[in-house]
Amino acid sequence: MADASLPIVFQKLFDLPQLGINPEFIKFGMLTMEGDQNLCIREGGQIALMNLKNGMIQRRPIAADGAIYSSSEVLALRSGATVQSYSMTQKQKLATFQVPAGETIGFWCWVNDSAVAYVTANAVFHWNATRAGEQPRKAFDRHASLAGCQVINYQVSQDNKWFLVVGIKKGASGIEGQMQLYSVDKRVSQPLKGHAGAFAQITVQGRKAQVFCFAEMKPGSAPKLYVMEVGRDASQGPGFKIQPQDIPFPADAAGDFPVSMQVSSKHDILYMMTKMGYLFLFDLHTGTCLFRKRVSPDPIFATCPHKATNGILGVTAGKGAVLSVSINERSLVPFVRDTLHKPELALELAGRLGLPGAEKLYLQRFQGLIQRGDIAGAAQVAATSPGGMLRTAETLSLIHISEPTRPRLIS
């Protein structure tokens, strides 16, 4: 039974081996999850397509070197140098191209419902896989810092102006991560030391800010979380960023590292999964680690946002557990208040997200500001109180009574 006091809701949705998926195919490169609609598993001479809403599996007798299935039910296939896409709903081929001689696709993924991105040894390409006759176009060159890396992830920002390539390789201190952040407008790349990153849009001081989050892990240094705004015009003022925050890996997780990052756009909370099955939750506005727990003894190698819960889905390697993790909205603020002992953050989360659990804190803050004569501050607290708990006639009357009497001018 789930612990109702925890700030997460954790569920096992499916067991893939029980549904007939061979565990040997439940691993990186064989199973892909391009969204919360379906899974695609290469099973030797056939491909299994699983509906993540009802668990139904359909198989096709297709042998391929790679297969990825979009949320709009378009199947992209690689076989040798040939790449093709098929609409499974329309039951027809959509587009095809040939990979040039001497090049191979090391990693590929859907970046939206119509476009596929793929990474070769030298560059990154984008391909419209839903339009006949479309050929791939080179997006940018791969940075030299990724030499020798296995590419494990690729991300595109919400405004399509920033790209991120993530690679790993074996180093002297274990598995090292290397990332390439590329600006479309500036045509400039920045190499970063880390294993996972993500883009998000958050509201900061009444405006939308596009931020880039990543876990920096330099050999010999403590791992840190960075959250910084990207793409803001300097003439509009400084961009949003937080002070780098330490990532509190537990003592028994030596050698552990992040394998994925996903963002809840509803809560502005970053989900970070690690190789050893640890889940971290971070508040994007402060960088505070809200929660840490080992949710799986097995690596969770595939993750994606889950729209139904505003959380994430994940699949464990080998065992094939399809897991759902989301925010427990009734417990998040009380957990931050009582377990983390961060009343200020509890207040901020309750007000920003409209969550319960900080009513007493809000009332205490409101009364304290009234007593100090900070009427404007008290009014602001009342205006942002979750559920409008302080936006009452009684509160308005108290604010009005407490306002200093202004001298009347003699006319």
Protein backbone atom coordinates (compact mmCIF):
# COMPACT_ATOMS: atom_id res chain seq x y z
CA MET A 1 0.00 0.00 0.00
CA ALA A 2 1.35 3.44 -0.94
CA ASP A 3 2.46 5.78 1.84
CA ALA A 4 0.03 8.70 1.69
CA SER A 5 2.52 10.95 3.50
CA LEU A 6 5.02 10.77 0.64
CA PRO A 7 4.99 13.52 -2.02
CA ILE A 8 4.80 10.99 -4.87
CA VAL A 9 2.27 8.51 -6.22
CA PHE A 10 4.06 5.40 -7.45
CA GLN A 11 2.32 2.73 -9.52
CA LYS A 12 3.28 -0.31 -11.54
CA LEU A 13 1.10 -0.18 -14.64
CA PHE A 14 2.27 -3.21 -16.61
CA ASP A 15 4.62 -6.19 -16.39
CA LEU A 16 5.95 -6.70 -19.91
CA PRO A 17 7.09 -10.34 -19.52
CA GLN A 18 3.60 -11.22 -18.26
CA LEU A 19 2.26 -9.69 -21.47
CA GLY A 20 4.52 -11.91 -23.56
CA ILE A 21 7.56 -9.64 -24.11
CA ASN A 22 10.84 -11.57 -23.86
CA PRO A 23 13.09 -9.98 -21.18
CA GLU A 24 16.12 -10.15 -23.50
CA PHE A 25 14.50 -7.49 -25.69
CA ILE A 26 13.71 -5.13 -22.79
CA LYS A 27 16.81 -2.99 -23.02
CA PHE A 28 18.24 0.17 -24.55
CA GLY A 29 18.23 0.01 -28.35
CA MET A 30 15.62 -2.72 -28.52
CA LEU A 31 12.73 -1.08 -26.66
CA THR A 32 11.85 2.56 -27.28
CA MET A 33 9.23 4.79 -25.67
CA GLU A 34 8.75 7.98 -27.69
CA GLY A 35 5.79 9.21 -25.64
CA ASP A 36 3.13 8.06 -23.22
CA GLN A 37 0.97 6.45 -25.94
CA ASN A 38 2.93 3.35 -26.88
CA LEU A 39 6.03 1.18 -26.70
CA CYS A 40 7.96 -0.29 -29.63
CA ILE A 41 9.99 -3.48 -29.10
CA ARG A 42 12.16 -5.22 -31.68
CA GLU A 43 11.81 -8.96 -31.16
CA GLY A 44 14.22 -10.52 -33.62
CA GLY A 45 12.24 -10.94 -36.84
CA GLN A 46 9.19 -9.05 -35.65
CA ILE A 47 8.16 -5.78 -34.00
CA ALA A 48 5.74 -5.51 -31.08
CA LEU A 49 3.73 -2.29 -30.70
CA MET A 50 2.11 -1.87 -27.29
CA ASN A 51 -0.68 0.56 -26.42
CA LEU A 52 0.21 2.07 -23.04
CA LYS A 53 -3.40 2.94 -22.27
CA ASN A 54 -4.81 -0.58 -22.41
CA GLY A 55 -1.79 -2.89 -22.66
CA MET A 56 -2.85 -4.32 -26.02
CA ILE A 57 0.03 -5.57 -28.19
CA GLN A 58 0.06 -5.96 -31.96
CA ARG A 59 2.95 -7.62 -33.76
CA ARG A 60 4.24 -7.14 -37.28
CA PRO A 61 6.62 -9.52 -39.11
CA ILE A 62 9.28 -6.87 -39.66
CA ALA A 63 13.05 -7.36 -39.28
CA ALA A 64 14.82 -4.03 -38.74
CA ASP A 65 18.03 -2.59 -37.31
CA GLY A 66 16.05 0.11 -35.54
CA ALA A 67 12.43 1.04 -34.90
CA ILE A 68 10.79 4.04 -33.23
CA TYR A 69 7.04 4.63 -32.95
CA SER A 70 5.59 8.13 -32.63
CA SER A 71 2.62 9.18 -30.51
CA SER A 72 0.75 9.79 -33.78
CA GLU A 73 1.28 6.12 -34.70
CA VAL A 74 3.93 6.58 -37.36
CA LEU A 75 6.53 3.81 -37.36
CA ALA A 76 10.06 4.70 -38.51
CA LEU A 77 12.30 1.78 -39.48
CA ARG A 78 15.99 1.37 -40.25
CA SER A 79 17.30 -1.57 -42.25
CA GLY A 80 20.85 -1.25 -43.53
CA ALA A 81 21.11 2.10 -45.28
CA THR A 82 17.36 2.37 -45.86
CA VAL A 83 15.16 4.45 -43.55
CA GLN A 84 11.38 4.43 -44.03
CA SER A 85 8.28 5.62 -42.23
CA TYR A 86 4.80 4.11 -42.20
CA SER A 87 1.47 5.37 -40.96
CA MET A 88 -0.03 2.52 -38.96
CA THR A 89 -3.47 4.16 -39.01
CA GLN A 90 -3.50 4.86 -42.75
CA LYS A 91 -1.58 1.64 -43.47
CA GLN A 92 0.73 3.24 -46.00
CA LYS A 93 4.36 4.23 -46.46
CA LEU A 94 4.97 7.94 -45.94
CA ALA A 95 8.63 8.70 -46.66
CA THR A 96 12.02 7.11 -47.23
CA PHE A 97 15.70 8.00 -47.68
CA GLN A 98 19.09 6.36 -47.92
CA VAL A 99 21.83 6.95 -45.38
CA PRO A 100 24.94 8.04 -47.35
CA ALA A 101 27.72 5.50 -47.73
CA GLY A 102 30.20 5.61 -44.87
CA GLU A 103 27.67 6.99 -42.38
CA THR A 104 25.70 5.12 -39.73
CA ILE A 105 22.95 6.23 -37.39
CA GLY A 106 24.11 5.87 -33.80
CA PHE A 107 20.99 7.25 -32.13
CA TRP A 108 17.58 8.43 -33.29
CA CYS A 109 14.29 9.58 -31.81
CA TRP A 110 11.09 11.42 -32.61
CA VAL A 111 11.29 15.11 -31.63
CA ASN A 112 7.63 15.84 -32.45
CA ASP A 113 4.76 14.15 -34.28
CA SER A 114 6.34 14.67 -37.71
CA ALA A 115 10.11 14.96 -37.28
CA VAL A 116 12.82 12.42 -36.50
CA ALA A 117 16.30 13.43 -35.35
CA TYR A 118 19.29 11.15 -35.79
CA VAL A 119 22.93 11.37 -34.76
CA THR A 120 25.87 10.06 -36.78
CA ALA A 121 29.55 10.07 -35.90
CA ASN A 122 29.91 13.60 -37.28
CA ALA A 123 26.59 15.44 -37.21
CA VAL A 124 22.95 15.66 -36.16
CA PHE A 125 20.18 15.55 -38.77
CA HIS A 126 16.43 16.28 -38.73
CA TRP A 127 14.01 14.53 -41.09
CA ASN A 128 10.33 15.15 -41.75
CA ALA A 129 9.16 11.56 -41.69
CA THR A 130 5.54 12.26 -42.61
CA ARG A 131 6.01 13.97 -45.97
CA ALA A 132 6.89 12.04 -49.11
CA GLY A 133 10.11 13.08 -50.81
CA GLU A 134 11.55 14.87 -47.78
CA GLN A 135 15.27 14.37 -47.28
CA PRO A 136 17.15 14.86 -44.00
CA ARG A 137 18.79 18.21 -43.36
CA LYS A 138 21.87 18.68 -41.24
CA ALA A 139 21.04 20.57 -38.05
CA PHE A 140 24.60 20.96 -36.73
CA ASP A 141 27.97 19.26 -36.44
CA ARG A 142 28.72 16.96 -33.56
CA HIS A 143 31.21 18.48 -31.10
CA ALA A 144 34.66 16.96 -30.72
CA SER A 145 34.04 16.46 -26.99
CA LEU A 146 31.58 13.67 -27.89
CA ALA A 147 34.31 11.60 -29.54
CA GLY A 148 34.16 8.02 -28.31
CA CYS A 149 30.74 8.54 -26.66
CA GLN A 150 27.64 6.43 -27.09
CA VAL A 151 24.79 8.88 -27.67
CA ILE A 152 21.88 8.01 -25.36
CA ASN A 153 19.58 11.03 -25.63
CA TYR A 154 18.65 14.01 -27.76
CA GLN A 155 16.43 16.93 -26.74
CA VAL A 156 14.90 19.92 -28.52
CA SER A 157 13.71 23.03 -26.67
CA GLN A 158 10.09 24.14 -26.80
CA ASP A 159 10.93 27.01 -29.19
CA ASN A 160 13.10 24.77 -31.42
CA LYS A 161 16.06 27.11 -30.91
CA TRP A 162 18.19 24.87 -28.67
CA PHE A 163 19.35 21.29 -29.15
CA LEU A 164 21.03 18.91 -26.70
CA VAL A 165 23.04 15.77 -27.42
CA VAL A 166 23.87 13.49 -24.48
CA GLY A 167 26.60 10.85 -24.61
CA ILE A 168 28.38 8.53 -22.21
CA LYS A 169 31.68 6.66 -22.25
CA LYS A 170 33.80 4.65 -19.89
CA GLY A 171 36.37 6.78 -18.09
CA ALA A 172 39.01 6.36 -15.42
CA SER A 173 36.47 7.17 -12.67
CA GLY A 174 33.55 5.20 -14.11
CA ILE A 175 30.89 6.11 -16.67
CA GLU A 176 31.48 9.71 -17.75
CA GLY A 177 28.86 11.92 -19.34
CA GLN A 178 29.40 14.48 -22.07
CA MET A 179 26.77 16.84 -23.48
CA GLN A 180 26.63 19.28 -26.38
CA LEU A 181 24.29 22.26 -26.10
CA TYR A 182 23.70 23.94 -29.46
CA SER A 183 22.16 27.36 -30.16
CA VAL A 184 20.34 27.56 -33.50
CA ASP A 185 20.43 31.37 -33.62
CA LYS A 186 24.11 31.71 -32.69
CA ARG A 187 25.22 28.51 -34.42
CA VAL A 188 27.47 27.84 -31.47
CA SER A 189 27.95 24.71 -29.37
CA GLN A 190 28.88 24.49 -25.71
CA PRO A 191 30.32 21.25 -24.32
CA LEU A 192 29.17 20.29 -20.82
CA LYS A 193 30.17 17.56 -18.39
CA GLY A 194 27.03 15.64 -17.44
CA HIS A 195 24.80 12.66 -18.10
CA ALA A 196 21.32 14.19 -18.43
CA GLY A 197 19.58 17.44 -19.28
CA ALA A 198 16.16 18.83 -20.18
CA PHE A 199 14.43 21.99 -21.39
CA ALA A 200 11.39 23.51 -19.72
CA GLN A 201 9.22 26.63 -19.77
CA ILE A 202 8.40 28.17 -16.41
CA THR A 203 6.73 31.40 -15.31
CA VAL A 204 9.13 33.81 -13.62
CA GLN A 205 7.93 37.19 -12.32
CA GLY A 206 4.88 37.04 -14.58
CA ARG A 207 6.73 36.11 -17.77
CA LYS A 208 7.52 32.86 -19.53
CA ALA A 209 11.14 31.76 -19.27
CA GLN A 210 12.70 28.90 -21.20
CA VAL A 211 15.22 27.16 -18.99
CA PHE A 212 17.82 24.49 -19.47
CA CYS A 213 18.42 22.06 -16.62
CA PHE A 214 21.32 19.66 -16.36
CA ALA A 215 23.26 17.61 -13.86
CA GLU A 216 26.95 18.44 -13.96
CA MET A 217 29.22 15.60 -12.90
CA LYS A 218 32.89 16.44 -13.18
CA PRO A 219 35.42 13.84 -12.03
CA GLY A 220 36.63 14.76 -8.55
CA SER A 221 33.82 17.28 -7.94
CA ALA A 222 30.45 17.03 -6.21
CA PRO A 223 27.57 16.64 -8.67
CA LYS A 224 25.49 19.77 -9.10
CA LEU A 225 22.16 20.76 -10.61
CA TYR A 226 22.06 23.79 -12.90
CA VAL A 227 18.90 25.63 -13.98
CA MET A 228 19.39 28.63 -16.26
CA GLU A 229 17.37 30.57 -18.79
CA VAL A 230 18.46 30.26 -22.41
CA GLY A 231 17.59 32.45 -25.37
CA ARG A 232 16.62 35.61 -23.45
CA ASP A 233 17.46 38.87 -25.21
CA ALA A 234 20.10 40.63 -23.09
CA SER A 235 18.39 43.98 -23.77
CA GLN A 236 15.39 42.71 -21.77
CA GLY A 237 17.45 42.21 -18.64
CA PRO A 238 19.32 39.33 -17.06
CA GLY A 239 17.99 35.84 -17.56
CA PHE A 240 16.67 33.65 -14.77
CA LYS A 241 19.08 31.25 -13.10
CA ILE A 242 19.63 29.62 -9.75
CA GLN A 243 22.79 29.04 -7.80
CA PRO A 244 24.11 25.56 -8.66
CA GLN A 245 22.71 23.11 -6.13
CA ASP A 246 24.40 19.99 -4.78
CA ILE A 247 22.73 16.74 -5.85
CA PRO A 248 22.47 14.65 -2.68
CA PHE A 249 23.45 11.20 -3.87
CA PRO A 250 23.22 8.72 -0.99
CA ALA A 251 26.38 7.20 0.48
CA ASP A 252 25.48 3.73 -0.82
CA ALA A 253 25.22 4.96 -4.41
CA ALA A 254 28.89 5.41 -5.25
CA GLY A 255 29.30 5.47 -9.00
CA ASP A 256 25.63 6.24 -9.63
CA PHE A 257 24.72 8.81 -12.29
CA PRO A 258 21.60 10.35 -13.89
CA VAL A 259 20.17 8.57 -16.92
CA SER A 260 17.18 10.80 -17.65
CA MET A 261 15.47 14.07 -16.80
CA GLN A 262 11.81 14.92 -17.38
CA VAL A 263 9.87 18.01 -16.34
CA SER A 264 6.32 18.34 -15.06
CA SER A 265 5.06 21.47 -16.82
CA LYS A 266 2.15 21.70 -14.38
CA HIS A 267 4.28 21.70 -11.24
CA ASP A 268 7.63 23.05 -12.56
CA ILE A 269 9.25 20.03 -10.92
CA LEU A 270 12.18 18.14 -12.43
CA TYR A 271 12.20 14.34 -12.25
CA MET A 272 15.69 12.84 -12.39
CA MET A 273 16.22 9.07 -12.64
CA THR A 274 19.59 7.43 -12.00
CA LYS A 275 21.29 4.26 -13.18
CA MET A 276 20.75 2.61 -9.78
CA GLY A 277 17.01 3.35 -9.78
CA TYR A 278 16.94 6.44 -7.59
CA LEU A 279 14.31 9.11 -8.20
CA PHE A 280 15.08 12.75 -7.38
CA LEU A 281 12.54 15.59 -7.48
CA PHE A 282 13.79 19.18 -7.79
CA ASP A 283 11.87 22.46 -7.65
CA LEU A 284 12.94 24.34 -10.79
CA HIS A 285 12.45 27.77 -9.21
CA THR A 286 14.91 27.18 -6.36
CA GLY A 287 16.80 24.02 -7.25
CA THR A 288 15.76 22.48 -3.94
CA CYS A 289 15.75 18.70 -3.80
CA LEU A 290 12.20 17.94 -2.71
CA PHE A 291 12.46 14.17 -2.54
CA ARG A 292 14.83 11.24 -3.08
CA LYS A 293 13.99 7.56 -3.04
CA ARG A 294 15.13 4.37 -4.69
CA VAL A 295 12.03 3.32 -6.60
CA SER A 296 13.54 0.38 -8.47
CA PRO A 297 16.40 -2.08 -7.90
CA ASP A 298 16.80 -2.21 -11.68
CA PRO A 299 17.88 0.58 -14.05
CA ILE A 300 15.02 2.60 -15.55
CA PHE A 301 16.40 3.08 -19.04
CA ALA A 302 13.41 4.64 -20.83
CA THR A 303 11.32 7.54 -19.53
CA CYS A 304 8.85 10.08 -20.89
CA PRO A 305 6.34 12.65 -19.56
CA HIS A 306 2.95 11.20 -18.62
CA LYS A 307 0.15 13.61 -19.50
CA ALA A 308 -2.56 11.78 -17.55
CA THR A 309 -0.76 12.27 -14.21
CA ASN A 310 1.53 15.24 -15.00
CA GLY A 311 4.32 12.88 -13.95
CA ILE A 312 6.53 10.41 -15.79
CA LEU A 313 6.53 6.85 -17.12
CA GLY A 314 9.56 4.59 -16.94
CA VAL A 315 10.54 1.08 -18.00
CA THR A 316 12.99 -1.10 -16.06
CA ALA A 317 15.70 -2.96 -17.95
CA GLY A 318 15.28 -6.72 -18.18
CA LYS A 319 12.38 -6.93 -15.72
CA GLY A 320 10.05 -4.84 -17.93
CA ALA A 321 8.06 -3.07 -15.23
CA VAL A 322 6.24 -0.05 -16.67
CA LEU A 323 6.14 2.44 -13.81
CA SER A 324 4.23 5.66 -13.22
CA VAL A 325 5.53 8.34 -10.84
CA SER A 326 3.64 11.55 -10.20
CA ILE A 327 3.21 14.26 -7.57
CA ASN A 328 0.92 13.58 -4.62
CA GLU A 329 -0.68 17.03 -4.54
CA ARG A 330 -2.20 16.56 -1.09
CA SER A 331 1.11 15.57 0.48
CA LEU A 332 3.72 17.70 -1.31
CA VAL A 333 3.35 20.89 0.75
CA PRO A 334 3.01 19.11 4.14
CA PHE A 335 6.10 17.03 3.26
CA VAL A 336 8.14 20.13 2.44
CA ARG A 337 6.84 21.87 5.57
CA ASP A 338 7.25 19.05 8.10
CA THR A 339 9.84 16.62 6.72
CA LEU A 340 12.16 19.04 4.90
CA HIS A 341 11.44 21.77 7.48
CA LYS A 342 11.24 24.44 4.77
CA PRO A 343 8.17 26.57 5.62
CA GLU A 344 9.09 29.34 3.16
CA LEU A 345 9.28 26.88 0.28
CA ALA A 346 6.05 25.24 1.44
CA LEU A 347 4.35 28.64 1.27
CA GLU A 348 5.77 29.34 -2.18
CA LEU A 349 4.70 25.95 -3.58
CA ALA A 350 1.22 26.20 -2.07
CA GLY A 351 0.70 29.64 -3.57
CA ARG A 352 2.21 28.93 -6.98
CA LEU A 353 0.54 25.55 -7.45
CA GLY A 354 -2.66 26.14 -5.49
CA LEU A 355 -2.00 23.15 -3.25
CA PRO A 356 -3.28 22.43 0.29
CA GLY A 357 -1.13 22.11 3.38
CA ALA A 358 0.05 25.65 4.10
CA GLU A 359 -3.18 27.23 5.35
CA LYS A 360 -1.84 27.79 8.86
CA LEU A 361 1.43 29.19 7.50
CA TYR A 362 -0.47 31.60 5.26
CA LEU A 363 -2.63 32.78 8.13
CA GLN A 364 0.42 33.30 10.35
CA ARG A 365 2.22 35.20 7.60
CA PHE A 366 -0.83 37.37 6.93
CA GLN A 367 -1.37 38.22 10.59
CA GLY A 368 2.32 38.96 11.12
CA LEU A 369 2.40 41.39 8.20
CA ILE A 370 -0.75 43.12 9.45
CA GLN A 371 0.78 43.52 12.90
CA ARG A 372 3.95 45.01 11.40
CA GLY A 373 1.91 47.43 9.34
CA ASP A 374 2.96 45.92 6.00
CA ILE A 375 -0.48 46.22 4.43
CA ALA A 376 0.78 45.79 0.87
CA GLY A 377 2.59 42.60 1.85
CA ALA A 378 -0.49 41.28 3.65
CA ALA A 379 -2.63 42.00 0.60
CA GLN A 380 -0.16 40.13 -1.61
CA VAL A 381 -0.25 37.11 0.72
CA ALA A 382 -4.06 37.17 0.65
CA ALA A 383 -4.09 37.42 -3.15
CA THR A 384 -1.78 34.42 -3.60
CA SER A 385 -3.28 32.20 -0.90
CA PRO A 386 -4.21 28.76 -2.26
CA GLY A 387 -7.88 28.25 -2.95
CA GLY A 388 -8.58 31.88 -2.09
CA MET A 389 -8.57 31.03 1.63
CA LEU A 390 -7.64 34.60 2.56
CA ARG A 391 -9.62 36.36 -0.16
CA THR A 392 -12.64 36.89 2.05
CA ALA A 393 -14.77 39.82 3.12
CA GLU A 394 -13.31 39.52 6.62
CA THR A 395 -9.76 39.72 5.28
CA LEU A 396 -10.55 42.71 3.07
CA SER A 397 -12.14 44.45 6.03
CA LEU A 398 -9.07 43.81 8.17
CA ILE A 399 -6.78 45.20 5.46
CA HIS A 400 -9.01 48.26 5.10
CA ILE A 401 -9.10 48.90 8.85
CA SER A 402 -5.33 48.48 9.13
CA GLU A 403 -4.53 50.94 6.35
CA PRO A 404 -3.00 54.17 7.75
CA THR A 405 -5.37 57.09 7.74
CA ARG A 406 -4.40 59.56 5.08
CA PRO A 407 -4.61 63.28 6.03
CA ARG A 408 -7.32 65.16 4.16
CA LEU A 409 -6.26 68.37 2.40
CA ILE A 410 -8.11 71.57 3.31
CA SER A 411 -9.71 72.96 0.20
